[in-house]
Structure formats: C-alpha cells, structure tokens
Protein backbone atom coordinates (compact mmCIF):
# COMPACT_ATOMS: atom_id res chain seq x y z
CA UNK A 1 -23.41 32.15 -22.41
CA UNK A 2 -21.06 29.74 -20.26
CA UNK A 3 -22.24 28.90 -17.01
CA UNK A 4 -20.73 30.40 -14.40
CA UNK A 5 -20.44 29.10 -10.56
CA UNK A 6 -21.00 31.59 -7.92
CA UNK A 7 -20.01 30.66 -4.15
CA UNK A 8 -22.04 32.94 -2.02
CA UNK A 9 -21.27 33.65 1.39
CA UNK A 10 -18.23 31.64 1.66
CA UNK A 11 -15.63 32.24 4.70
CA UNK A 12 -12.03 32.39 3.67
CA UNK A 13 -9.15 31.87 6.08
CA UNK A 14 -5.97 33.96 5.43
CA UNK A 15 -4.42 37.27 6.45
CA UNK A 16 -6.90 38.84 6.86
CA UNK A 17 -9.86 36.52 7.37
CA UNK A 18 -12.96 37.23 5.35
CA UNK A 19 -16.50 36.48 5.53
CA UNK A 20 -19.17 36.78 3.17
CA UNK A 21 -17.17 36.24 0.03
CA UNK A 22 -18.54 35.28 -3.12
CA UNK A 23 -16.24 33.34 -5.48
CA UNK A 24 -16.99 33.19 -9.30
CA UNK A 25 -15.98 30.61 -11.44
CA UNK A 26 -15.88 31.18 -15.15
CA UNK A 27 -14.78 27.78 -17.38
CA UNK A 28 -11.39 26.36 -15.57
CA UNK A 29 -10.59 29.57 -13.53
CA UNK A 30 -11.47 31.86 -10.59
CA UNK A 31 -12.89 35.14 -12.40
CA UNK A 32 -13.68 37.07 -9.55
CA UNK A 33 -13.28 36.86 -5.59
CA UNK A 34 -15.89 39.68 -4.09
CA UNK A 35 -16.00 40.94 -0.62
CA UNK A 36 -18.84 40.93 1.57
CA UNK A 37 -21.19 43.82 0.39
CA UNK A 38 -19.93 44.18 -3.11
CA UNK A 39 -22.48 43.41 -5.65
CA UNK A 40 -22.30 40.62 -8.20
CA UNK A 41 -24.71 41.09 -11.23
CA UNK A 42 -26.66 37.75 -11.64
CA UNK A 43 -26.45 36.23 -15.23
CA UNK A 44 -29.00 33.89 -16.64
CA UNK A 45 -27.82 30.05 -15.92
CA UNK A 46 -25.51 30.77 -13.24
CA UNK A 47 -25.50 27.94 -10.67
CA UNK A 48 -25.68 29.40 -7.22
CA UNK A 49 -23.93 27.64 -4.48
CA UNK A 50 -24.97 28.67 -1.07
CA UNK A 51 -21.87 28.43 1.14
CA UNK A 52 -23.93 29.48 4.13
CA UNK A 53 -20.91 30.86 6.20
CA UNK A 54 -18.89 27.43 5.47
CA UNK A 55 -15.07 27.45 5.10
CA UNK A 56 -14.04 27.52 1.16
CA UNK A 57 -10.25 26.58 0.47
CA UNK A 58 -8.11 25.51 -2.07
CA UNK A 59 -8.06 21.97 -2.96
CA UNK A 60 -5.56 19.94 -0.56
CA UNK A 61 -2.46 18.23 -2.57
CA UNK A 62 -1.30 15.13 -1.49
CA UNK A 63 2.48 15.05 -2.50
CA UNK A 64 3.25 11.32 -1.92
CA UNK A 65 0.29 8.68 -2.12
CA UNK A 66 -0.14 5.18 -3.29
CA UNK A 67 -4.24 5.31 -4.17
CA UNK A 68 -4.62 1.67 -5.15
CA UNK A 69 -2.34 0.11 -2.33
CA UNK A 70 -3.70 2.63 0.26
CA UNK A 71 -7.29 1.59 -0.51
CA UNK A 72 -6.02 -2.33 -0.91
CA UNK A 73 -4.48 -2.11 2.87
CA UNK A 74 -7.47 -0.50 4.28
CA UNK A 75 -9.90 -2.92 2.64
CA UNK A 76 -7.56 -5.70 3.81
CA UNK A 77 -7.81 -4.17 7.43
CA UNK A 78 -4.46 -2.95 7.48
CA UNK A 79 -2.52 -1.14 8.72
CA UNK A 80 -4.59 -1.58 12.32
CA UNK A 81 -3.88 -5.11 12.10
CA UNK A 82 -0.34 -5.62 11.20
CA UNK A 83 1.96 -5.35 13.84
CA UNK A 84 5.45 -5.18 11.91
CA UNK A 85 7.85 -2.40 10.52
CA UNK A 86 8.24 -0.93 7.33
CA UNK A 87 10.64 -3.08 6.05
CA UNK A 88 8.17 -6.20 7.07
CA UNK A 89 5.31 -4.44 5.59
CA UNK A 90 7.09 -3.80 2.33
CA UNK A 91 8.38 -7.63 2.12
CA UNK A 92 5.71 -9.41 3.42
CA UNK A 93 2.64 -7.21 2.43
CA UNK A 94 3.06 -4.63 -0.06
CA UNK A 95 5.37 -6.22 -2.64
CA UNK A 96 3.24 -9.77 -2.67
CA UNK A 97 -0.16 -7.86 -3.28
CA UNK A 98 1.09 -5.45 -5.85
CA UNK A 99 2.54 -8.49 -7.82
CA UNK A 100 -1.26 -9.43 -7.97
CA UNK A 101 -2.65 -5.99 -9.09
CA UNK A 102 -3.90 -6.34 -12.73
CA UNK A 103 -5.20 -3.36 -14.37
CA UNK A 104 -8.69 -4.09 -13.65
CA UNK A 105 -7.84 -4.04 -10.04
CA UNK A 106 -5.78 -1.03 -10.18
CA UNK A 107 -8.50 1.02 -11.85
CA UNK A 108 -10.79 -0.14 -9.01
CA UNK A 109 -9.17 0.34 -6.01
CA UNK A 110 -7.44 3.70 -7.25
CA UNK A 111 -11.35 5.06 -7.86
CA UNK A 112 -11.95 4.17 -4.39
CA UNK A 113 -8.78 5.92 -3.12
CA UNK A 114 -9.62 8.78 -5.02
CA UNK A 115 -13.14 9.11 -3.96
CA UNK A 116 -12.03 8.79 -0.28
CA UNK A 117 -9.35 11.79 -1.01
CA UNK A 118 -11.76 13.76 -2.63
CA UNK A 119 -14.34 13.76 0.03
CA UNK A 120 -11.28 14.75 2.47
CA UNK A 121 -10.54 17.62 0.54
CA UNK A 122 -8.02 16.80 -1.73
CA UNK A 123 -8.29 17.65 -5.30
CA UNK A 124 -4.77 16.65 -6.66
CA UNK A 125 -2.68 13.48 -5.87
CA UNK A 126 0.95 12.75 -6.89
CA UNK A 127 0.46 8.86 -7.03
CA UNK A 128 3.07 6.09 -7.10
CA UNK A 129 1.92 2.56 -8.10
CA UNK A 130 3.28 -0.92 -9.01
CA UNK A 131 1.49 -3.66 -10.89
CA UNK A 132 1.73 -7.25 -11.50
CA UNK A 133 4.77 -8.34 -13.62
CA UNK A 134 4.46 -8.00 -17.27
CA UNK A 135 1.52 -5.70 -17.00
CA UNK A 136 3.47 -2.45 -16.51
CA UNK A 137 2.63 -0.70 -19.90
CA UNK A 138 -1.20 -1.30 -18.64
CA UNK A 139 -1.01 -0.09 -15.21
CA UNK A 140 -0.83 4.06 -15.17
CA UNK A 141 -3.83 4.04 -18.08
CA UNK A 142 -5.88 1.79 -15.48
CA UNK A 143 -4.54 4.21 -12.56
CA UNK A 144 -5.84 7.23 -14.51
CA UNK A 145 -9.12 5.71 -15.32
CA UNK A 146 -9.89 5.06 -11.49
CA UNK A 147 -8.81 8.71 -10.87
CA UNK A 148 -11.10 9.87 -13.78
CA UNK A 149 -13.99 8.04 -12.01
CA UNK A 150 -13.44 10.58 -8.85
CA UNK A 151 -12.55 13.53 -11.28
CA UNK A 152 -9.39 14.18 -9.32
CA UNK A 153 -6.50 15.99 -10.72
CA UNK A 154 -3.46 13.60 -10.39
CA UNK A 155 -0.02 13.24 -11.39
CA UNK A 156 0.89 9.39 -11.91
CA UNK A 157 4.38 7.60 -11.94
CA UNK A 158 5.00 3.88 -12.22
CA UNK A 159 7.61 3.07 -9.10
CA UNK A 160 10.41 1.28 -10.92
CA UNK A 161 12.69 -1.14 -9.16
CA UNK A 162 14.53 -4.07 -9.71
CA UNK A 163 12.76 -6.63 -7.34
CA UNK A 164 11.98 -9.33 -9.72
CA UNK A 165 15.16 -8.44 -12.03
CA UNK A 166 16.67 -5.51 -13.97
CA UNK A 167 14.09 -6.32 -16.68
CA UNK A 168 11.25 -5.50 -14.83
CA UNK A 169 12.89 -2.20 -13.30
CA UNK A 170 13.47 -1.19 -17.25
CA UNK A 171 9.84 -2.25 -18.18
CA UNK A 172 8.42 0.10 -15.24
CA UNK A 173 10.65 3.19 -16.55
CA UNK A 174 9.26 2.75 -19.98
CA UNK A 175 5.68 2.50 -18.83
CA UNK A 176 6.18 6.10 -16.85
CA UNK A 177 7.76 7.38 -20.01
CA UNK A 178 5.32 6.11 -22.73
CA UNK A 179 2.34 7.30 -20.30
CA UNK A 180 3.92 10.58 -19.72
CA UNK A 181 4.03 11.10 -23.24
CA UNK A 182 0.38 10.55 -23.51
CA UNK A 183 -1.00 12.55 -21.41
CA UNK A 184 1.03 15.86 -21.45
CA UNK A 185 -1.60 18.09 -22.82
CA UNK A 186 -4.47 16.65 -20.68
CA UNK A 187 -5.95 19.28 -18.10
CA UNK A 188 -5.91 16.65 -15.17
CA UNK A 189 -3.22 14.34 -16.01
CA UNK A 190 0.68 14.57 -15.91
CA UNK A 191 2.88 11.75 -16.08
CA UNK A 192 6.23 11.35 -14.26
CA UNK A 193 9.31 9.09 -14.12
CA UNK A 194 8.91 7.03 -11.00
CA UNK A 195 11.34 5.14 -8.73
CA UNK A 196 10.07 3.00 -5.63
CA UNK A 197 13.08 2.54 -3.42
CA UNK A 198 16.93 2.54 -3.99
CA UNK A 199 17.89 -0.63 -2.27
CA UNK A 200 16.65 -3.01 -4.96
CA UNK A 201 17.49 -0.63 -7.67
CA UNK A 202 20.58 -1.07 -10.09
CA UNK A 203 22.47 1.70 -12.38
CA UNK A 204 20.92 0.53 -15.34
CA UNK A 205 17.26 1.04 -14.35
CA UNK A 206 18.36 4.61 -12.75
CA UNK A 207 19.96 5.29 -16.12
CA UNK A 208 16.56 4.75 -17.91
CA UNK A 209 14.86 7.00 -15.53
CA UNK A 210 17.27 9.94 -16.28
CA UNK A 211 15.66 11.03 -19.46
CA UNK A 212 11.96 10.62 -18.53
CA UNK A 213 12.67 12.32 -15.11
CA UNK A 214 14.44 15.57 -17.52
CA UNK A 215 11.31 15.74 -19.46
CA UNK A 216 8.47 14.83 -16.90
CA UNK A 217 10.03 14.95 -13.59
CA UNK A 218 10.40 12.08 -11.01
CA UNK A 219 8.51 10.79 -8.36
CA UNK A 220 10.71 8.84 -6.03
CA UNK A 221 9.82 7.03 -2.77
CA UNK A 222 13.53 7.25 -0.97
CA UNK A 223 14.88 6.55 2.69
CA UNK A 224 11.44 5.28 4.17
CA UNK A 225 13.64 3.73 6.30
CA UNK A 226 17.45 3.14 6.61
CA UNK A 227 17.54 0.32 4.15
CA UNK A 228 18.10 2.77 1.17
CA UNK A 229 21.03 4.64 3.19
CA UNK A 230 22.76 1.22 3.84
CA UNK A 231 22.73 -0.10 0.67
CA UNK A 232 23.53 3.21 -1.29
CA UNK A 233 26.35 4.11 0.87
CA UNK A 234 27.88 0.25 0.73
CA UNK A 235 28.13 0.36 -2.92
CA UNK A 236 28.95 3.74 -3.73
CA UNK A 237 29.87 5.66 -0.81
CA UNK A 238 27.00 8.09 -1.66
CA UNK A 239 23.91 8.88 0.56
CA UNK A 240 20.56 8.29 -1.04
CA UNK A 241 19.97 11.67 -2.57
CA UNK A 242 23.54 12.01 -3.50
CA UNK A 243 23.12 9.00 -5.78
CA UNK A 244 20.16 10.64 -7.18
CA UNK A 245 22.05 13.63 -8.20
CA UNK A 246 24.85 11.33 -9.62
CA UNK A 247 22.35 9.65 -11.59
CA UNK A 248 20.91 12.90 -13.06
CA UNK A 249 17.51 12.32 -11.03
CA UNK A 250 17.45 15.64 -9.41
CA UNK A 251 15.85 18.99 -10.62
CA UNK A 252 12.85 21.26 -9.95
CA UNK A 253 10.28 18.65 -10.93
CA UNK A 254 11.75 15.92 -8.63
CA UNK A 255 9.81 14.97 -5.65
CA UNK A 256 11.50 12.64 -2.83
CA UNK A 257 8.87 11.29 -1.06
CA UNK A 258 9.66 10.35 2.88
CA UNK A 259 13.55 11.16 3.14
CA UNK A 260 13.86 9.94 6.58
CA UNK A 261 17.84 9.86 6.63
CA UNK A 262 18.25 12.87 4.81
CA UNK A 263 21.36 14.95 6.42
CA UNK A 264 22.55 18.59 5.76
CA UNK A 265 24.74 17.85 2.47
CA UNK A 266 21.68 16.29 0.97
CA UNK A 267 19.37 19.15 1.93
CA UNK A 268 22.09 21.42 0.42
CA UNK A 269 21.91 19.20 -2.98
CA UNK A 270 18.00 19.36 -3.15
CA UNK A 271 17.98 22.92 -2.50
CA UNK A 272 20.32 23.74 -5.37
CA UNK A 273 18.95 21.39 -7.67
CA UNK A 274 15.16 23.05 -6.79
CA UNK A 275 14.05 19.65 -5.76
CA UNK A 276 11.06 18.83 -3.51
CA UNK A 277 10.52 16.72 -0.46
CA UNK A 278 7.09 15.22 0.35
CA UNK A 279 7.04 14.65 4.20
CA UNK A 280 4.88 12.02 5.37
CA UNK A 281 4.50 12.54 9.06
CA UNK A 282 1.51 10.19 10.12
CA UNK A 283 3.13 7.20 7.95
CA UNK A 284 6.74 7.81 9.81
CA UNK A 285 4.85 7.90 13.10
CA UNK A 286 2.44 4.88 12.60
CA UNK A 287 5.35 2.51 11.39
CA UNK A 288 7.82 3.66 13.93
CA UNK A 289 10.12 4.98 11.17
CA UNK A 290 12.25 8.24 11.59
CA UNK A 291 10.42 11.33 10.16
CA UNK A 292 11.95 13.56 7.53
CA UNK A 293 14.08 16.50 9.47
CA UNK A 294 11.87 19.06 8.13
CA UNK A 295 12.96 21.96 10.36
CA UNK A 296 16.74 21.06 8.97
CA UNK A 297 15.44 20.65 5.25
CA UNK A 298 13.52 23.99 6.01
CA UNK A 299 16.57 25.83 7.32
CA UNK A 300 18.60 24.78 4.21
CA UNK A 301 15.41 26.34 2.26
CA UNK A 302 14.19 22.91 0.54
CA UNK A 303 10.94 22.97 -0.94
CA UNK A 304 8.28 20.78 1.14
CA UNK A 305 5.15 19.44 0.65
CA UNK A 306 2.79 17.19 2.77
CA UNK A 307 1.75 13.41 1.44
CA UNK A 308 -0.27 10.60 3.07
CA UNK A 309 1.69 7.72 2.02
CA UNK A 310 -1.83 6.30 0.92
CA UNK A 311 -2.05 5.16 4.67
CA UNK A 312 -4.90 7.92 5.33
CA UNK A 313 -6.79 9.81 2.69
CA UNK A 314 -6.74 13.52 4.17
CA UNK A 315 -3.98 15.66 4.01
CA UNK A 316 -4.93 18.08 6.65
CA UNK A 317 -4.31 15.09 8.95
CA UNK A 318 -0.82 15.22 8.05
CA UNK A 319 -0.72 19.24 9.00
CA UNK A 320 -1.96 18.13 12.52
CA UNK A 321 0.66 15.14 12.82
CA UNK A 322 3.56 17.56 11.54
CA UNK A 323 2.37 20.28 13.84
CA UNK A 324 2.75 17.70 16.76
CA UNK A 325 6.29 16.53 15.45
CA UNK A 326 7.47 20.15 15.38
CA UNK A 327 6.17 20.88 18.82
CA UNK A 328 8.29 17.70 19.88
CA UNK A 329 11.31 18.44 18.04
CA UNK A 330 14.30 21.04 17.90
CA UNK A 331 14.16 24.68 17.00
CA UNK A 332 16.35 24.94 13.83
CA UNK A 333 15.13 27.00 11.30
CA UNK A 334 11.71 28.93 11.18
CA UNK A 335 9.29 28.56 14.21
CA UNK A 336 7.01 25.64 13.93
CA UNK A 337 4.08 27.60 13.35
CA UNK A 338 5.50 29.51 10.78
CA UNK A 339 7.11 26.61 9.13
CA UNK A 340 3.92 24.69 8.65
CA UNK A 341 1.41 27.54 7.67
CA UNK A 342 3.89 29.59 5.63
CA UNK A 343 6.22 26.87 3.90
CA UNK A 344 5.13 23.07 4.28
CA UNK A 345 1.30 23.55 3.42
CA UNK A 346 1.18 25.98 0.62
CA UNK A 347 4.16 23.86 -0.86
CA UNK A 348 1.58 21.73 -2.24
CA UNK A 349 0.12 24.15 -4.44
CA UNK A 350 3.11 25.51 -5.37
CA UNK A 351 4.46 21.84 -6.39
CA UNK A 352 1.34 21.36 -8.51
CA UNK A 353 1.41 24.65 -10.14
CA UNK A 354 4.90 23.86 -11.47
CA UNK A 355 4.04 20.29 -12.84
CA UNK A 356 1.01 21.78 -14.55
CA UNK A 357 2.07 25.11 -15.37
CA UNK A 358 -0.94 27.09 -13.93
CA UNK A 359 -1.58 28.64 -10.75
CA UNK A 360 -3.18 25.98 -8.46
CA UNK A 361 -3.71 26.24 -4.71
CA UNK A 362 -5.03 29.63 -4.39
CA UNK A 363 -8.61 31.38 -4.28
CA UNK A 364 -7.70 34.59 -6.61
CA UNK A 365 -8.60 35.68 -9.74
CA UNK A 366 -6.93 33.78 -12.78
CA UNK A 367 -6.01 30.55 -10.60
CA UNK A 368 -7.39 27.30 -11.80
CA UNK A 369 -10.36 26.60 -10.01
CA UNK A 370 -9.54 23.61 -7.51
CA UNK A 371 -11.69 24.46 -4.55
CA UNK A 372 -13.51 22.60 -1.66
CA UNK A 373 -16.25 23.90 0.47
CA UNK A 374 -16.02 22.31 3.84
CA UNK A 375 -18.86 21.19 6.01
CA UNK A 376 -17.51 22.96 8.76
CA UNK A 377 -18.69 26.65 10.24
CA UNK A 378 -16.39 27.76 12.84
CA UNK A 379 -18.44 28.58 16.01
CA UNK A 380 -16.22 31.67 16.85
CA UNK A 381 -14.38 34.07 14.32
CA UNK A 382 -11.27 32.62 12.86
CA UNK A 383 -8.36 34.67 13.83
CA UNK A 384 -5.85 35.87 10.64
CA UNK A 385 -3.38 33.10 10.01
CA UNK A 386 -2.16 31.33 6.88
CA UNK A 387 -4.18 28.50 5.21
CA UNK A 388 -1.81 25.70 7.24
CA UNK A 389 -2.82 27.15 10.19
CA UNK A 390 -6.39 26.97 9.72
CA UNK A 391 -6.06 23.51 8.18
CA UNK A 392 -5.44 22.38 11.70
CA UNK A 393 -8.63 23.58 12.61
CA UNK A 394 -10.31 21.97 9.97
CA UNK A 395 -8.64 18.63 9.57
CA UNK A 396 -11.53 15.86 9.78
CA UNK A 397 -13.96 18.14 8.14
CA UNK A 398 -15.63 16.41 5.40
CA UNK A 399 -15.78 18.10 1.95
CA UNK A 400 -19.45 19.46 1.19
CA UNK A 401 -18.79 20.53 -2.59
CA UNK A 402 -15.60 19.92 -4.54
CA UNK A 403 -14.77 21.81 -7.99
CA UNK A 404 -11.70 20.66 -9.84
CA UNK A 405 -10.85 22.68 -12.89
CA UNK A 406 -13.86 24.29 -12.96
CA UNK A 407 -16.08 21.24 -12.68
CA UNK A 408 -18.32 20.33 -9.68
CA UNK A 409 -17.31 16.74 -8.68
CA UNK A 410 -19.15 16.88 -5.11
CA UNK A 411 -22.15 18.33 -4.35
CA UNK A 412 -23.30 18.67 -1.07
CA UNK A 413 -21.07 15.25 -0.20
CA UNK A 414 -22.10 13.47 -3.12
CA UNK A 415 -20.09 12.66 -6.24
CA UNK A 416 -21.54 14.13 -9.45
CA UNK A 417 -21.13 11.87 -12.55
CA UNK A 418 -20.62 8.66 -10.74
CA UNK A 419 -22.00 5.90 -8.74
CA UNK A 420 -20.43 5.85 -5.23
CA UNK A 421 -21.88 2.44 -4.56
CA UNK A 422 -20.50 0.84 -7.98
CA UNK A 423 -16.98 2.41 -6.95
CA UNK A 424 -17.26 0.85 -3.61
CA UNK A 425 -18.65 -2.24 -4.83
CA UNK A 426 -16.01 -2.92 -7.40
CA UNK A 427 -13.26 -2.08 -5.00
CA UNK A 428 -14.13 -4.73 -2.69
CA UNK A 429 -14.57 -7.24 -5.25
CA UNK A 430 -11.01 -6.25 -6.54
CA UNK A 431 -9.58 -6.66 -3.02
CA UNK A 432 -11.31 -10.11 -2.56
CA UNK A 433 -9.89 -11.14 -5.48
CA UNK A 434 -6.25 -9.62 -4.77
CA UNK A 435 -6.26 -10.85 -1.19
CA UNK A 436 -7.18 -14.29 -2.56
C-alpha cells in the first residue's frame, strides 16, 4: 500500500480560517482535507506529520527569478554594496559575471538559490538564466540539476538577447527550445522560451523565439527600466509589449517580468492575449526604478503574479512590498487589500497550474500536493481572509516542512535527500571562481 502523508492539527488561512485540520496526501495529490473533529482512519505505513497548530499554505510561486545570478550577487555582497542603478548593475555587474557562468557554476549557484527559496516557503520558480558564450545548450540542463538538488518545481528559460551579437541571441533561443522539448513530460520541470531585454535584441532573435513561445510559452524580462521603451519606440514606434505582440510573442503562457513602463494600451493588449505580468516590487524599490503599474493592470484585468527578480528568496516579502506600494499609490481598480489578496497573490498558483496542466496552489482535494508547513503559530486567531492577506502576516516565517508533488523536501527545516553543507560549499566555490 502506498505511503500516505497525514498532516495533523494544521491551521488553514482562508474564508473561513480553519484550525485543527488534517490534510492527507496520496501519491502526488491531496486526497482529503478533513475538518477538526472529522475522523481519519489510520493506515499502516502512514507518515504522520504533526503540524501542532502551525500554518499550512500552498507553496509559494516566484514568477520571475534568476536563481543562479541572485545567489551569486548575494555571495558577492551585493546588492547591499552596489550603489548604482539598474542600467549600471546590468552593464557593470550582471553581464560580465553571467559571461563567466559555466555549467558547473550554474548548477552550484542554482542549487543554493533554490534551497534558499524552498526554506522561505517557495515551491515553484520561473527562472530566467544566462551563461558563458558558447555554453547555451548546456546551461538549462545545469540549472535543472541545481533545482533538482533542492527538489523544487521549476519552469526554466534561457534569456536570449543579442548582447555579444546576433549569433549569440539565436543560440539562446535554440537552447530554450531544445530544453523545453526534452522536459515536456517531466513532473517537476517545464521549459519556456526566454528573452532578457528588448534594447539589445534584434528582429531575427525575436523571430526565432516566436515558434518556441507558441509551443511552450515565453518568459521575458521587459521594461525593467526605460531602456526598452526608448529603444523599441525609436526603431519601430512601438512600446515594448506592442513589439512583443507584433513579433508573435504574446499568449496565455507569456510572462512579462517587471513591466515598469507599461501603459493602458499595452495593458489592453496583455488582457486580450491572456498574457501575464510578474511584478517585482522590492527589486523596483531597491534599485530606484519605476514599479509596474499594478492598479492600472488590474483595472484592465491583466493576469498578475509576484516575482523576486532573484534579489531575495521569499515571495511573501514581495506581498508586503506590494501592499506598501499600493498604500502609497492611487486608487484605480480594486481596493488595495482585495487586489493583493484576491488577484495578485493567487495569480502565482493559477499561472503554474496553466504551465503544468494540473491544479497547483490550493489546499483542496485533487490539487497537486505542493504544500508548506510554516514554523509560525499565530498568537491570536487569524481573521477570515484570502491567502494574500495571510501572507502579509507570515512573511519571514521559515518553512518547517515542504512537500512538492507529494514528496517531502524539508522536514523540520532540514533538506531531505541532499546535503545542505555541500550545496553551500559548492556555491561559495563557484562564486569565488566566477568573481575571480
């Protein structure tokens, strides 16, 4: 008989909030959610997990990340020690360092980034990576191995652009397409076409991305600052998202990361093509760039999710940053609390469900078992509220247990099936080598 996971005495935030809940996982899925007082018949071989009143949540989704680059910057003492802007960071730091990322470094740094995300309650990451020239075909398999060392669910893309020449842009597009075909039936992996900025990307590379984007989706870092807007408008009289649309790159599995310069016309186009925007509030605030116009996008019914940009590992922290941004901003569209709790926060689960073709991001029968038991017991009863509002309260709480696709990855804060000390040591060695 297959071993079941039986999570007892859990607290579920929601409408209503429920205490004393038992959640049963069989195979890859949640088989039952039993309320307090409902009898659950034990079976031989059950793995009993005592939640002891701690908060059980669907695993967090980071809809725009750079796991390897983020881990590298943190190990280098950045971003705290870097005084410059986004363009300076991109030109002076990220591009030179990414040009030194061989597959071994990518695997080691991705493993460290994925483990940090997992311990912060994130169970799925949409990752955009770049590598040393000529190593594009090896990059995504290396990132997949790194993510696999932490056991995290991931949708991976190579960030194609023409920095270094059109040949390199085309190589990046081919790398994403090949990887996406290789992993299309893997339970924890998906591949997507990738685009890292429009300002340095020509029409041939955009055309090469169109076919893979239709088949597998597109993860595009666009309009992180105004460089993309200035470039696309000067050469085509189009705004960035309009250029994506005219290049055949928008659709239900297109994720636009950042989007700081998006306007109403672009929002309408995103809505009609059912594309997504991954907003990165802490990254925008930290680097002094303009934040994505979340309220305008929501008013146009654009699908939204949260991303970290690799700056920090915890997506719940992005919820706090967005709540602060909304309180400071105007009042177009839904009220701020409803926008975060009912639109942006659940968007991550909806996006991943679409990419993987199965229900993710819910604690309900039939959903894939991507669950996190947080090391957090509220001192007072939680109010009835959507999950995004609860995330504001538990942001910063570490994950005690993490279950991904029905498999336990963290047990009381410790990684199962992996050596955390080795992951850390390999990442530090890779960082020393890349940083020179």
